[in-house]
C-alpha atoms as a PDB file:
ATOM      1  CA  MET A   1      39.301 -20.197  -5.915  1.00  0.00           C
ATOM      2  CA  LEU A   2      36.043 -19.767  -8.370  1.00  0.00           C
ATOM      3  CA  SER A   3      38.858 -19.443 -11.428  1.00  0.00           C
ATOM      4  CA  THR A   4      40.708 -21.997 -10.095  1.00  0.00           C
ATOM      5  CA  LEU A   5      37.608 -24.634 -10.385  1.00  0.00           C
ATOM      6  CA  ALA A   6      36.665 -23.374 -13.140  1.00  0.00           C
ATOM      7  CA  ARG A   7      40.170 -23.598 -15.121  1.00  0.00           C
ATOM      8  CA  ARG A   8      40.686 -27.313 -14.057  1.00  0.00           C
ATOM      9  CA  PRO A   9      37.461 -29.301 -12.924  1.00  0.00           C
ATOM     10  CA  ARG A  10      37.200 -32.432 -11.433  1.00  0.00           C
ATOM     11  CA  ARG A  11      36.686 -35.520 -13.238  1.00  0.00           C
ATOM     12  CA  GLY A  12      33.218 -36.182 -14.342  1.00  0.00           C
ATOM     13  CA  ALA A  13      31.986 -33.351 -12.686  1.00  0.00           C
ATOM     14  CA  LYS A  14      29.351 -31.757 -15.006  1.00  0.00           C
ATOM     15  CA  GLY A  15      29.407 -27.751 -15.105  1.00  0.00           C
ATOM     16  CA  PRO A  16      25.792 -27.341 -14.297  1.00  0.00           C
ATOM     17  CA  VAL A  17      25.952 -29.341 -11.117  1.00  0.00           C
ATOM     18  CA  LEU A  18      28.934 -27.615  -9.898  1.00  0.00           C
ATOM     19  CA  ALA A  19      27.482 -23.954 -10.928  1.00  0.00           C
ATOM     20  CA  CYS A  20      24.667 -25.168  -8.918  1.00  0.00           C
ATOM     21  CA  LEU A  21      26.658 -26.276  -5.628  1.00  0.00           C
ATOM     22  CA  LEU A  22      28.562 -22.879  -6.209  1.00  0.00           C
ATOM     23  CA  LEU A  23      25.603 -20.865  -5.811  1.00  0.00           C
ATOM     24  CA  GLY A  24      23.168 -22.724  -4.072  1.00  0.00           C
ATOM     25  CA  PRO A  25      23.733 -21.065  -0.803  1.00  0.00           C
ATOM     26  CA  TRP A  26      22.716 -17.843  -2.240  1.00  0.00           C
ATOM     27  CA  LEU A  27      19.480 -19.350  -4.112  1.00  0.00           C
ATOM     28  CA  ALA A  28      18.419 -20.268  -1.097  1.00  0.00           C
ATOM     29  CA  LEU A  29      17.855 -17.444   0.563  1.00  0.00           C
ATOM     30  CA  ALA A  30      14.969 -16.329  -2.392  1.00  0.00           C
ATOM     31  CA  PRO A  31      11.638 -17.080  -1.667  1.00  0.00           C
ATOM     32  CA  PRO A  32      10.547 -20.371  -3.757  1.00  0.00           C
ATOM     33  CA  GLY A  33       9.612 -18.625  -7.538  1.00  0.00           C
ATOM     34  CA  ALA A  34      10.690 -15.082  -6.160  1.00  0.00           C
ATOM     35  CA  GLN A  35      13.538 -14.816  -8.572  1.00  0.00           C
ATOM     36  CA  ALA A  36      11.306 -16.547 -11.906  1.00  0.00           C
ATOM     37  CA  PHE A  37       8.182 -15.116 -11.629  1.00  0.00           C
ATOM     38  CA  PRO A  38       7.409 -13.551 -13.748  1.00  0.00           C
ATOM     39  CA  ASP A  39       9.581 -13.784 -16.554  1.00  0.00           C
ATOM     40  CA  LYS A  40       7.354 -13.255 -19.321  1.00  0.00           C
ATOM     41  CA  PRO A  41       4.491 -10.444 -20.300  1.00  0.00           C
ATOM     42  CA  MET A  42       1.186 -11.214 -18.104  1.00  0.00           C
ATOM     43  CA  ARG A  43      -2.316 -11.368 -19.435  1.00  0.00           C
ATOM     44  CA  ILE A  44      -5.724  -9.999 -17.894  1.00  0.00           C
ATOM     45  CA  ILE A  45      -8.657 -10.900 -19.024  1.00  0.00           C
ATOM     46  CA  ILE A  46     -11.399  -8.018 -19.474  1.00  0.00           C
ATOM     47  CA  PRO A  47     -14.614  -9.898 -19.649  1.00  0.00           C
ATOM     48  CA  TYR A  48     -16.110  -6.596 -21.213  1.00  0.00           C
ATOM     49  CA  THR A  49     -15.710  -4.407 -23.978  1.00  0.00           C
ATOM     50  CA  PRO A  50     -13.063  -1.796 -23.763  1.00  0.00           C
ATOM     51  CA  GLY A  51     -13.845   1.593 -22.078  1.00  0.00           C
ATOM     52  CA  GLY A  52     -16.638   0.375 -19.672  1.00  0.00           C
ATOM     53  CA  PRO A  53     -15.652   0.743 -15.891  1.00  0.00           C
ATOM     54  CA  VAL A  54     -13.504  -2.386 -15.942  1.00  0.00           C
ATOM     55  CA  ASP A  55     -11.085  -1.543 -18.669  1.00  0.00           C
ATOM     56  CA  LEU A  56     -10.415   1.754 -16.718  1.00  0.00           C
ATOM     57  CA  THR A  57     -10.101   0.082 -13.446  1.00  0.00           C
ATOM     58  CA  VAL A  58      -7.138  -1.967 -15.075  1.00  0.00           C
ATOM     59  CA  ARG A  59      -5.610   1.099 -17.166  1.00  0.00           C
ATOM     60  CA  LEU A  60      -5.646   3.045 -14.463  1.00  0.00           C
ATOM     61  CA  ILE A  61      -3.074   1.008 -12.568  1.00  0.00           C
ATOM     62  CA  GLN A  62      -1.383  -0.600 -15.246  1.00  0.00           C
ATOM     63  CA  PRO A  63       1.804   1.667 -15.558  1.00  0.00           C
ATOM     64  CA  GLN A  64       2.598   1.102 -11.958  1.00  0.00           C
ATOM     65  CA  LEU A  65       1.957  -2.646 -12.123  1.00  0.00           C
ATOM     66  CA  GLU A  66       3.952  -3.246 -15.059  1.00  0.00           C
ATOM     67  CA  ALA A  67       6.813  -1.308 -13.190  1.00  0.00           C
ATOM     68  CA  ALA A  68       6.667  -3.452 -10.034  1.00  0.00           C
ATOM     69  CA  PHE A  69       6.016  -6.473 -12.146  1.00  0.00           C
ATOM     70  CA  GLY A  70       9.272  -5.824 -14.736  1.00  0.00           C
ATOM     71  CA  LYS A  71       7.367  -7.255 -17.424  1.00  0.00           C
ATOM     72  CA  PRO A  72       4.477  -5.922 -19.644  1.00  0.00           C
ATOM     73  CA  LEU A  73       0.687  -6.644 -18.451  1.00  0.00           C
ATOM     74  CA  VAL A  74      -1.179  -7.553 -21.727  1.00  0.00           C
ATOM     75  CA  VAL A  75      -5.085  -6.437 -21.255  1.00  0.00           C
ATOM     76  CA  GLU A  76      -7.380  -8.944 -23.269  1.00  0.00           C
ATOM     77  CA  TYR A  77     -11.061  -8.275 -23.824  1.00  0.00           C
ATOM     78  CA  LYS A  78     -13.095 -11.106 -24.086  1.00  0.00           C
ATOM     79  CA  SER A  79     -16.817 -10.003 -23.745  1.00  0.00           C
ATOM     80  CA  GLY A  80     -20.096 -11.675 -24.168  1.00  0.00           C
ATOM     81  CA  ALA A  81     -22.336 -13.054 -22.324  1.00  0.00           C
ATOM     82  CA  GLY A  82     -22.298 -10.726 -19.360  1.00  0.00           C
ATOM     83  CA  GLY A  83     -19.009 -10.973 -19.027  1.00  0.00           C
ATOM     84  CA  ALA A  84     -19.064 -15.147 -18.714  1.00  0.00           C
ATOM     85  CA  ILE A  85     -16.996 -15.971 -21.757  1.00  0.00           C
ATOM     86  CA  GLY A  86     -14.153 -14.042 -20.354  1.00  0.00           C
ATOM     87  CA  VAL A  87     -14.357 -15.453 -16.829  1.00  0.00           C
ATOM     88  CA  GLN A  88     -14.445 -18.761 -18.077  1.00  0.00           C
ATOM     89  CA  SER A  89     -11.961 -18.760 -20.057  1.00  0.00           C
ATOM     90  CA  ALA A  90      -9.427 -17.400 -17.664  1.00  0.00           C
ATOM     91  CA  ALA A  91     -10.510 -20.508 -15.257  1.00  0.00           C
ATOM     92  CA  ALA A  92      -9.599 -22.754 -18.171  1.00  0.00           C
ATOM     93  CA  ALA A  93      -6.511 -21.152 -18.253  1.00  0.00           C
ATOM     94  CA  LYS A  94      -3.276 -22.469 -17.036  1.00  0.00           C
ATOM     95  CA  PRO A  95      -3.094 -22.001 -13.516  1.00  0.00           C
ATOM     96  CA  ASP A  96       0.835 -20.440 -13.826  1.00  0.00           C
ATOM     97  CA  GLY A  97      -0.156 -16.364 -13.191  1.00  0.00           C
ATOM     98  CA  TYR A  98       0.066 -15.647 -16.599  1.00  0.00           C
ATOM     99  CA  THR A  99      -3.391 -15.460 -16.871  1.00  0.00           C
ATOM    100  CA  LEU A 100      -5.473 -13.455 -14.611  1.00  0.00           C
ATOM    101  CA  VAL A 101      -8.999 -11.541 -15.411  1.00  0.00           C
ATOM    102  CA  VAL A 102     -10.694  -8.581 -13.687  1.00  0.00           C
ATOM    103  CA  ALA A 103     -14.177  -9.679 -12.603  1.00  0.00           C
ATOM    104  CA  ALA A 104     -17.222  -7.652 -11.897  1.00  0.00           C
ATOM    105  CA  THR A 105     -19.585  -8.647  -9.045  1.00  0.00           C
ATOM    106  CA  ASN A 106     -22.248 -10.194 -11.232  1.00  0.00           C
ATOM    107  CA  ASN A 107     -19.667 -12.646 -12.557  1.00  0.00           C
ATOM    108  CA  ILE A 108     -18.628 -13.726  -9.207  1.00  0.00           C
ATOM    109  CA  VAL A 109     -21.719 -13.688  -6.913  1.00  0.00           C
ATOM    110  CA  ILE A 110     -24.773 -13.456  -9.021  1.00  0.00           C
ATOM    111  CA  ASP A 111     -24.330 -15.351 -12.345  1.00  0.00           C
ATOM    112  CA  PRO A 112     -23.848 -18.575 -11.035  1.00  0.00           C
ATOM    113  CA  PHE A 113     -27.714 -18.321  -9.987  1.00  0.00           C
ATOM    114  CA  LEU A 114     -29.177 -16.850 -12.910  1.00  0.00           C
ATOM    115  CA  LYS A 115     -29.601 -19.753 -15.252  1.00  0.00           C
ATOM    116  CA  LYS A 116     -31.068 -23.170 -13.513  1.00  0.00           C
ATOM    117  CA  GLY A 117     -28.677 -25.930 -13.635  1.00  0.00           C
ATOM    118  CA  GLU A 118     -25.646 -23.933 -14.016  1.00  0.00           C
ATOM    119  CA  THR A 119     -22.701 -25.631 -13.092  1.00  0.00           C
ATOM    120  CA  PHE A 120     -19.760 -23.008 -13.111  1.00  0.00           C
ATOM    121  CA  ASP A 121     -19.239 -21.845  -9.834  1.00  0.00           C
ATOM    122  CA  PRO A 122     -16.662 -19.022 -10.273  1.00  0.00           C
ATOM    123  CA  LEU A 123     -15.669 -19.367  -6.398  1.00  0.00           C
ATOM    124  CA  ARG A 124     -14.880 -23.026  -6.913  1.00  0.00           C
ATOM    125  CA  GLU A 125     -13.328 -22.716  -9.909  1.00  0.00           C
ATOM    126  CA  LEU A 126     -11.505 -19.258  -9.797  1.00  0.00           C
ATOM    127  CA  GLN A 127      -8.803 -18.135  -7.354  1.00  0.00           C
ATOM    128  CA  PRO A 128      -9.821 -14.789  -5.939  1.00  0.00           C
ATOM    129  CA  LEU A 129      -6.863 -13.033  -5.099  1.00  0.00           C
ATOM    130  CA  ILE A 130      -7.141  -9.683  -4.048  1.00  0.00           C
ATOM    131  CA  LYS A 131     -10.157  -6.720  -4.242  1.00  0.00           C
ATOM    132  CA  VAL A 132      -9.300  -4.130  -7.075  1.00  0.00           C
ATOM    133  CA  ALA A 133     -11.874  -1.442  -5.874  1.00  0.00           C
ATOM    134  CA  GLU A 134     -14.894  -0.347  -4.961  1.00  0.00           C
ATOM    135  CA  ILE A 135     -17.465   1.758  -7.354  1.00  0.00           C
ATOM    136  CA  PRO A 136     -20.226   3.469  -5.270  1.00  0.00           C
ATOM    137  CA  ALA A 137     -23.479   3.641  -7.456  1.00  0.00           C
ATOM    138  CA  VAL A 138     -24.255   6.763  -8.574  1.00  0.00           C
ATOM    139  CA  LEU A 139     -28.185   6.936  -9.837  1.00  0.00           C
ATOM    140  CA  PHE A 140     -28.749   9.236 -12.635  1.00  0.00           C
ATOM    141  CA  THR A 141     -31.472  10.301 -14.734  1.00  0.00           C
ATOM    142  CA  ASN A 142     -31.379  12.387 -17.701  1.00  0.00           C
ATOM    143  CA  ARG A 143     -32.070  16.203 -18.117  1.00  0.00           C
ATOM    144  CA  GLN A 144     -35.538  15.743 -20.158  1.00  0.00           C
ATOM    145  CA  GLN A 145     -37.157  14.613 -16.652  1.00  0.00           C
ATOM    146  CA  ASP A 146     -36.878  18.326 -15.546  1.00  0.00           C
ATOM    147  CA  ALA A 147     -35.842  16.962 -12.073  1.00  0.00           C
ATOM    148  CA  LYS A 148     -32.830  17.855 -10.370  1.00  0.00           C
ATOM    149  CA  ASN A 149     -33.329  15.631  -7.277  1.00  0.00           C
ATOM    150  CA  TRP A 150     -34.912  12.383  -6.432  1.00  0.00           C
ATOM    151  CA  GLU A 151     -37.792  13.490  -4.413  1.00  0.00           C
ATOM    152  CA  ALA A 152     -38.724  15.958  -7.752  1.00  0.00           C
ATOM    153  CA  LEU A 153     -38.481  12.706  -9.713  1.00  0.00           C
ATOM    154  CA  ARG A 154     -40.169  10.129  -7.389  1.00  0.00           C
ATOM    155  CA  ALA A 155     -43.094  12.518  -6.838  1.00  0.00           C
ATOM    156  CA  GLY A 156     -43.829  13.039 -10.225  1.00  0.00           C
ATOM    157  CA  ALA A 157     -44.075   9.589 -11.467  1.00  0.00           C
ATOM    158  CA  ALA A 158     -46.184   8.891  -7.908  1.00  0.00           C
ATOM    159  CA  ARG A 159     -48.981  11.668  -8.890  1.00  0.00           C
ATOM    160  CA  THR A 160     -48.709  10.776 -12.823  1.00  0.00           C
ATOM    161  CA  GLY A 161     -48.702   6.932 -12.458  1.00  0.00           C
ATOM    162  CA  ARG A 162     -45.573   7.077 -14.919  1.00  0.00           C
ATOM    163  CA  VAL A 163     -43.399   4.628 -15.160  1.00  0.00           C
ATOM    164  CA  LEU A 164     -39.900   5.022 -14.766  1.00  0.00           C
ATOM    165  CA  ASN A 165     -37.658   2.323 -17.230  1.00  0.00           C
ATOM    166  CA  PHE A 166     -34.061   2.084 -15.181  1.00  0.00           C
ATOM    167  CA  GLY A 167     -31.554   0.914 -17.648  1.00  0.00           C
ATOM    168  CA  SER A 168     -28.771  -1.290 -17.226  1.00  0.00           C
ATOM    169  CA  PRO A 169     -25.636  -2.887 -18.601  1.00  0.00           C
ATOM    170  CA  GLY A 170     -27.453  -6.540 -18.879  1.00  0.00           C
ATOM    171  CA  VAL A 171     -29.455  -8.966 -16.693  1.00  0.00           C
ATOM    172  CA  GLY A 172     -28.027  -9.914 -13.458  1.00  0.00           C
ATOM    173  CA  THR A 173     -26.234  -6.638 -13.124  1.00  0.00           C
ATOM    174  CA  THR A 174     -26.003  -5.152 -10.007  1.00  0.00           C
ATOM    175  CA  PRO A 175     -28.112  -2.327 -11.598  1.00  0.00           C
ATOM    176  CA  HIS A 176     -30.282  -4.574 -12.747  1.00  0.00           C
ATOM    177  CA  LEU A 177     -30.967  -6.125  -9.084  1.00  0.00           C
ATOM    178  CA  SER A 178     -30.974  -2.843  -7.605  1.00  0.00           C
ATOM    179  CA  SER A 179     -34.202  -1.647  -9.971  1.00  0.00           C
ATOM    180  CA  ILE A 180     -35.888  -4.542  -8.324  1.00  0.00           C
ATOM    181  CA  LEU A 181     -34.872  -3.295  -4.985  1.00  0.00           C
ATOM    182  CA  LEU A 182     -35.980   0.158  -5.381  1.00  0.00           C
ATOM    183  CA  ALA A 183     -39.496  -0.826  -6.732  1.00  0.00           C
ATOM    184  CA  LYS A 184     -39.749  -2.663  -3.782  1.00  0.00           C
ATOM    185  CA  ALA A 185     -38.447  -0.357  -1.397  1.00  0.00           C
ATOM    186  CA  THR A 186     -40.627   3.001  -2.915  1.00  0.00           C
ATOM    187  CA  GLY A 187     -43.688   1.170  -4.698  1.00  0.00           C
ATOM    188  CA  LEU A 188     -42.804   2.975  -8.057  1.00  0.00           C
ATOM    189  CA  PRO A 189     -44.091   1.591 -11.108  1.00  0.00           C
ATOM    190  CA  ILE A 190     -39.810   0.607 -12.231  1.00  0.00           C
ATOM    191  CA  THR A 191     -39.206  -0.775 -15.385  1.00  0.00           C
ATOM    192  CA  HIS A 192     -36.352  -2.678 -15.583  1.00  0.00           C
ATOM    193  CA  VAL A 193     -34.501  -2.687 -19.613  1.00  0.00           C
ATOM    194  CA  ALA A 194     -31.552  -4.603 -20.366  1.00  0.00           C
ATOM    195  CA  TYR A 195     -28.746  -3.363 -22.661  1.00  0.00           C
ATOM    196  CA  ARG A 196     -25.602  -4.878 -24.211  1.00  0.00           C
ATOM    197  CA  GLY A 197     -23.224  -3.160 -21.583  1.00  0.00           C
ATOM    198  CA  ALA A 198     -22.570  -0.037 -19.831  1.00  0.00           C
ATOM    199  CA  GLN A 199     -22.487   2.565 -23.018  1.00  0.00           C
ATOM    200  CA  PRO A 200     -25.365   1.955 -25.173  1.00  0.00           C
ATOM    201  CA  ALA A 201     -27.395   2.106 -21.672  1.00  0.00           C
ATOM    202  CA  VAL A 202     -26.015   5.744 -20.845  1.00  0.00           C
ATOM    203  CA  GLN A 203     -26.727   6.209 -24.754  1.00  0.00           C
ATOM    204  CA  ALA A 204     -30.228   5.227 -23.969  1.00  0.00           C
ATOM    205  CA  LEU A 205     -30.349   7.359 -21.097  1.00  0.00           C
ATOM    206  CA  MET A 206     -29.792  10.559 -22.790  1.00  0.00           C
ATOM    207  CA  ALA A 207     -32.133   9.590 -25.607  1.00  0.00           C
ATOM    208  CA  ASN A 208     -34.837   8.905 -22.489  1.00  0.00           C
ATOM    209  CA  GLU A 209     -35.745   5.732 -23.775  1.00  0.00           C
ATOM    210  CA  VAL A 210     -34.891   5.206 -19.927  1.00  0.00           C
ATOM    211  CA  GLN A 211     -35.176   7.675 -17.229  1.00  0.00           C
ATOM    212  CA  LEU A 212     -32.798   5.919 -14.665  1.00  0.00           C
ATOM    213  CA  PHE A 213     -29.206   4.305 -14.807  1.00  0.00           C
ATOM    214  CA  MET A 214     -26.673   3.335 -11.982  1.00  0.00           C
ATOM    215  CA  GLY A 215     -22.921   3.345 -12.474  1.00  0.00           C
ATOM    216  CA  ALA A 216     -19.706   4.914 -11.758  1.00  0.00           C
ATOM    217  CA  ALA A 217     -19.093   8.286 -11.361  1.00  0.00           C
ATOM    218  CA  GLY A 218     -16.704   8.553 -14.141  1.00  0.00           C
ATOM    219  CA  LEU A 219     -18.549   7.031 -16.834  1.00  0.00           C
ATOM    220  CA  LEU A 220     -20.518   9.724 -16.983  1.00  0.00           C
ATOM    221  CA  ALA A 221     -18.765  12.620 -16.005  1.00  0.00           C
ATOM    222  CA  GLY A 222     -18.757  14.038 -19.062  1.00  0.00           C
ATOM    223  CA  GLN A 223     -22.515  13.820 -19.807  1.00  0.00           C
ATOM    224  CA  VAL A 224     -22.900  15.218 -16.197  1.00  0.00           C
ATOM    225  CA  GLN A 225     -20.480  18.419 -16.972  1.00  0.00           C
ATOM    226  CA  GLY A 226     -22.525  18.830 -20.475  1.00  0.00           C
ATOM    227  CA  GLY A 227     -26.045  18.992 -18.647  1.00  0.00           C
ATOM    228  CA  GLN A 228     -26.986  15.657 -20.630  1.00  0.00           C
ATOM    229  CA  VAL A 229     -27.386  13.711 -17.237  1.00  0.00           C
ATOM    230  CA  VAL A 230     -28.311  14.557 -13.968  1.00  0.00           C
ATOM    231  CA  PRO A 231     -27.037  12.311 -10.851  1.00  0.00           C
ATOM    232  CA  LEU A 232     -29.401  11.974  -8.141  1.00  0.00           C
ATOM    233  CA  ALA A 233     -27.695  10.586  -5.194  1.00  0.00           C
ATOM    234  CA  VAL A 234     -24.727   7.894  -4.431  1.00  0.00           C
ATOM    235  CA  SER A 235     -24.938   4.887  -2.669  1.00  0.00           C
ATOM    236  CA  ALA A 236     -22.139   5.476   0.013  1.00  0.00           C
ATOM    237  CA  PRO A 237     -21.683   6.781   3.255  1.00  0.00           C
ATOM    238  CA  GLU A 238     -20.161  10.048   2.207  1.00  0.00           C
ATOM    239  CA  ARG A 239     -19.874  12.221  -0.967  1.00  0.00           C
ATOM    240  CA  LEU A 240     -17.439  11.733  -3.307  1.00  0.00           C
ATOM    241  CA  ALA A 241     -14.634  14.033  -3.790  1.00  0.00           C
ATOM    242  CA  VAL A 242     -15.239  14.009  -7.794  1.00  0.00           C
ATOM    243  CA  MET A 243     -18.806  14.699  -7.295  1.00  0.00           C
ATOM    244  CA  PRO A 244     -19.600  16.908  -3.872  1.00  0.00           C
ATOM    245  CA  ASP A 245     -22.727  18.904  -4.779  1.00  0.00           C
ATOM    246  CA  VAL A 246     -24.512  15.181  -5.563  1.00  0.00           C
ATOM    247  CA  PRO A 247     -25.863  13.688  -2.343  1.00  0.00           C
ATOM    248  CA  THR A 248     -25.976  10.252  -0.712  1.00  0.00           C
ATOM    249  CA  VAL A 249     -28.782   8.451  -0.585  1.00  0.00           C
ATOM    250  CA  LYS A 250     -29.439   8.789   2.843  1.00  0.00           C
ATOM    251  CA  GLU A 251     -29.180  12.421   2.430  1.00  0.00           C
ATOM    252  CA  ALA A 252     -31.530  12.441  -0.675  1.00  0.00           C
ATOM    253  CA  GLY A 253     -34.178  10.250   0.967  1.00  0.00           C
ATOM    254  CA  ILE A 254     -33.594   7.195  -1.157  1.00  0.00           C
ATOM    255  CA  PRO A 255     -33.981   3.722   0.719  1.00  0.00           C
ATOM    256  CA  ASP A 256     -30.626   2.175   0.885  1.00  0.00           C
ATOM    257  CA  VAL A 257     -30.777  -0.424  -1.525  1.00  0.00           C
ATOM    258  CA  LEU A 258     -28.418   0.436  -4.703  1.00  0.00           C
ATOM    259  CA  ALA A 259     -26.335  -1.916  -4.962  1.00  0.00           C
ATOM    260  CA  ASN A 260     -22.304  -0.891  -5.290  1.00  0.00           C
ATOM    261  CA  ASN A 261     -20.066  -2.818  -7.607  1.00  0.00           C
ATOM    262  CA  TRP A 262     -16.517  -4.009  -7.602  1.00  0.00           C
ATOM    263  CA  LEU A 263     -14.276  -5.570  -9.502  1.00  0.00           C
ATOM    264  CA  LEU A 264     -11.830  -8.576  -8.372  1.00  0.00           C
ATOM    265  CA  LEU A 265      -8.685  -9.850  -9.543  1.00  0.00           C
ATOM    266  CA  ALA A 266      -8.958 -14.004  -9.544  1.00  0.00           C
ATOM    267  CA  ALA A 267      -6.882 -16.676 -11.337  1.00  0.00           C
ATOM    268  CA  PRO A 268      -7.133 -20.427 -12.334  1.00  0.00           C
ATOM    269  CA  LYS A 269      -7.551 -22.467  -9.536  1.00  0.00           C
ATOM    270  CA  GLY A 270      -4.428 -24.029  -8.542  1.00  0.00           C
ATOM    271  CA  LEU A 271      -1.903 -21.252  -8.375  1.00  0.00           C
ATOM    272  CA  PRO A 272       1.523 -21.724  -6.416  1.00  0.00           C
ATOM    273  CA  ARG A 273       0.936 -20.027  -3.633  1.00  0.00           C
ATOM    274  CA  ASP A 274       4.304 -18.176  -3.645  1.00  0.00           C
ATOM    275  CA  VAL A 275       3.254 -17.001  -7.092  1.00  0.00           C
ATOM    276  CA  ALA A 276      -0.113 -16.018  -5.443  1.00  0.00           C
ATOM    277  CA  GLU A 277       1.273 -14.061  -2.431  1.00  0.00           C
ATOM    278  CA  ARG A 278       4.123 -12.141  -5.169  1.00  0.00           C
ATOM    279  CA  ILE A 279       0.611 -10.739  -7.368  1.00  0.00           C
ATOM    280  CA  GLU A 280      -1.236 -10.280  -4.268  1.00  0.00           C
ATOM    281  CA  ARG A 281       1.467  -7.785  -2.777  1.00  0.00           C
ATOM    282  CA  VAL A 282       2.385  -6.248  -5.981  1.00  0.00           C
ATOM    283  CA  PHE A 283      -1.582  -5.386  -6.597  1.00  0.00           C
ATOM    284  CA  GLY A 284      -1.691  -4.431  -2.895  1.00  0.00           C
ATOM    285  CA  GLU A 285       1.338  -2.229  -2.945  1.00  0.00           C
ATOM    286  CA  VAL A 286       0.031  -0.414  -6.180  1.00  0.00           C
ATOM    287  CA  LEU A 287      -3.607   0.115  -5.013  1.00  0.00           C
ATOM    288  CA  GLY A 288      -2.256   1.187  -1.727  1.00  0.00           C
ATOM    289  CA  SER A 289      -0.361   4.119  -3.420  1.00  0.00           C
ATOM    290  CA  GLU A 290      -1.447   7.591  -3.350  1.00  0.00           C
ATOM    291  CA  GLU A 291      -1.060   7.739  -6.973  1.00  0.00           C
ATOM    292  CA  SER A 292      -3.603   4.926  -7.530  1.00  0.00           C
ATOM    293  CA  ARG A 293      -5.953   6.224  -4.503  1.00  0.00           C
ATOM    294  CA  SER A 294      -6.031   9.518  -6.565  1.00  0.00           C
ATOM    295  CA  ARG A 295      -6.613   8.401  -9.905  1.00  0.00           C
ATOM    296  CA  TYR A 296      -9.448   6.623  -8.585  1.00  0.00           C
ATOM    297  CA  ALA A 297     -10.888   8.994  -6.476  1.00  0.00           C
ATOM    298  CA  ALA A 298     -11.387  10.995  -9.885  1.00  0.00           C
ATOM    299  CA  GLN A 299     -13.259   8.093 -11.190  1.00  0.00           C
ATOM    300  CA  GLY A 300     -14.832   7.610  -8.095  1.00  0.00           C
ATOM    301  CA  MET A 301     -13.720   4.755  -6.891  1.00  0.00           C
ATOM    302  CA  VAL A 302     -12.209   3.564  -4.252  1.00  0.00           C
ATOM    303  CA  PRO A 303      -9.000   1.025  -3.605  1.00  0.00           C
ATOM    304  CA  SER A 304      -9.824  -2.092  -1.692  1.00  0.00           C
ATOM    305  CA  GLY A 305      -6.509  -4.256  -1.714  1.00  0.00           C
ATOM    306  CA  ARG A 306      -8.999  -7.192   0.293  1.00  0.00           C
ATOM    307  CA  THR A 307      -7.456 -10.188   0.148  1.00  0.00           C
ATOM    308  CA  GLY A 308      -7.365 -14.054   2.243  1.00  0.00           C
ATOM    309  CA  ALA A 309      -9.929 -15.336   3.891  1.00  0.00           C
ATOM    310  CA  PRO A 310     -11.902 -12.643   4.962  1.00  0.00           C
ATOM    311  CA  LEU A 311     -12.165 -11.684   1.191  1.00  0.00           C
ATOM    312  CA  LEU A 312     -13.424 -15.275   0.340  1.00  0.00           C
ATOM    313  CA  ALA A 313     -15.915 -14.820   3.523  1.00  0.00           C
ATOM    314  CA  ASP A 314     -16.880 -11.546   1.854  1.00  0.00           C
ATOM    315  CA  LEU A 315     -17.928 -12.965  -1.277  1.00  0.00           C
ATOM    316  CA  ARG A 316     -19.616 -16.465   0.241  1.00  0.00           C
ATOM    317  CA  ALA A 317     -21.627 -13.905   2.326  1.00  0.00           C
ATOM    318  CA  GLU A 318     -22.477 -11.673  -0.471  1.00  0.00           C
ATOM    319  CA  ALA A 319     -23.290 -14.380  -2.811  1.00  0.00           C
ATOM    320  CA  GLY A 320     -25.539 -16.079  -0.813  1.00  0.00           C
ATOM    321  CA  LYS A 321     -27.742 -12.649  -0.476  1.00  0.00           C
ATOM    322  CA  TRP A 322     -27.799 -12.097  -4.382  1.00  0.00           C
ATOM    323  CA  ARG A 323     -29.288 -16.184  -4.617  1.00  0.00           C
ATOM    324  CA  ILE A 324     -32.379 -15.719  -2.056  1.00  0.00           C
ATOM    325  CA  LEU A 325     -33.304 -12.092  -4.468  1.00  0.00           C
ATOM    326  CA  ILE A 326     -33.037 -14.045  -7.202  1.00  0.00           C
ATOM    327  CA  ARG A 327     -34.813 -17.608  -6.576  1.00  0.00           C
ATOM    328  CA  GLY A 328     -37.310 -15.015  -4.982  1.00  0.00           C
ATOM    329  CA  GLU A 329     -38.490 -13.251  -7.723  1.00  0.00           C
ATOM    330  CA  GLY A 330     -38.076 -15.751 -10.003  1.00  0.00           C
ATOM    331  CA  LEU A 331     -35.289 -14.069 -12.007  1.00  0.00           C
ATOM    332  CA  GLU A 332     -33.857 -17.835 -13.094  1.00  0.00           C
ATOM    333  CA  GLU A 333     -33.663 -18.460 -16.522  1.00  0.00           C
ATOM    334  CA  GLY A 334     -36.160 -20.869 -17.207  1.00  0.00           C
ATOM    335  CA  GLN A 335     -38.646 -20.058 -14.642  1.00  0.00           C
END
């Protein structure tokens, strides 16, 4: 029948119209947009330099994502201003699913409160899709301190009145705010020192410019194995499989004030619902796989997969907490 119609079209009928009539019932079976998205490579913006925890988190699952989407994922680095440049670039992109961003905690729920008069609100101008990973914070010192645990380091600083410099990847990051909370909770003289990214802060730790640094376990795995740095505790309910000898903050006697980092996949506001669901579904399936869990665990990270209203409620609640701390400590630029 199809071949007969193709040879002898009805007078006035148009080929494309006829094709739609014939194929319509089959096309209707597929969800809207499912056939079309993605039909070209997707771009994921990393708002930091290569080699950091955000980059690593994406690279670990990139092969699985490309296989699931059936298209390449192009990673683009847009660093600067603590991640704000890359995040705002993503927010300004066309909301079609082909430009995404993986942002850290500070980019979403901290940065809006650091600059007085800031008008960019990530929760208003981005569309959160899925929390990619939770990154338990590990507190490190260096071998120059001759302290194998937190109590020895704390006691030595308290006895001598020595100031402990606490390095961070930048103002407003979770390590920066954690240094303030740790100083308040312990009464120790702790001074925050900001660097332009995690790697410079790690170098400062090894050079003893700073005596404390907080970051992902995988970020300093090589330095731990080489004996250059000493992990004091991990901010998690249980010890990490990748560092089984490192106590939790509770076991180490450290106040539970070290803020863990997390990474969020987001898109420009206005993403079509069917495209958003497709992206969330693919990322959720990849993050839930045993392969992803094993890869993340080796770096001291935990896949998340949280989406929807519960995710948005979490983000808003955490933003409120950091707003109170930032304003209470007078950390807004210009104050």
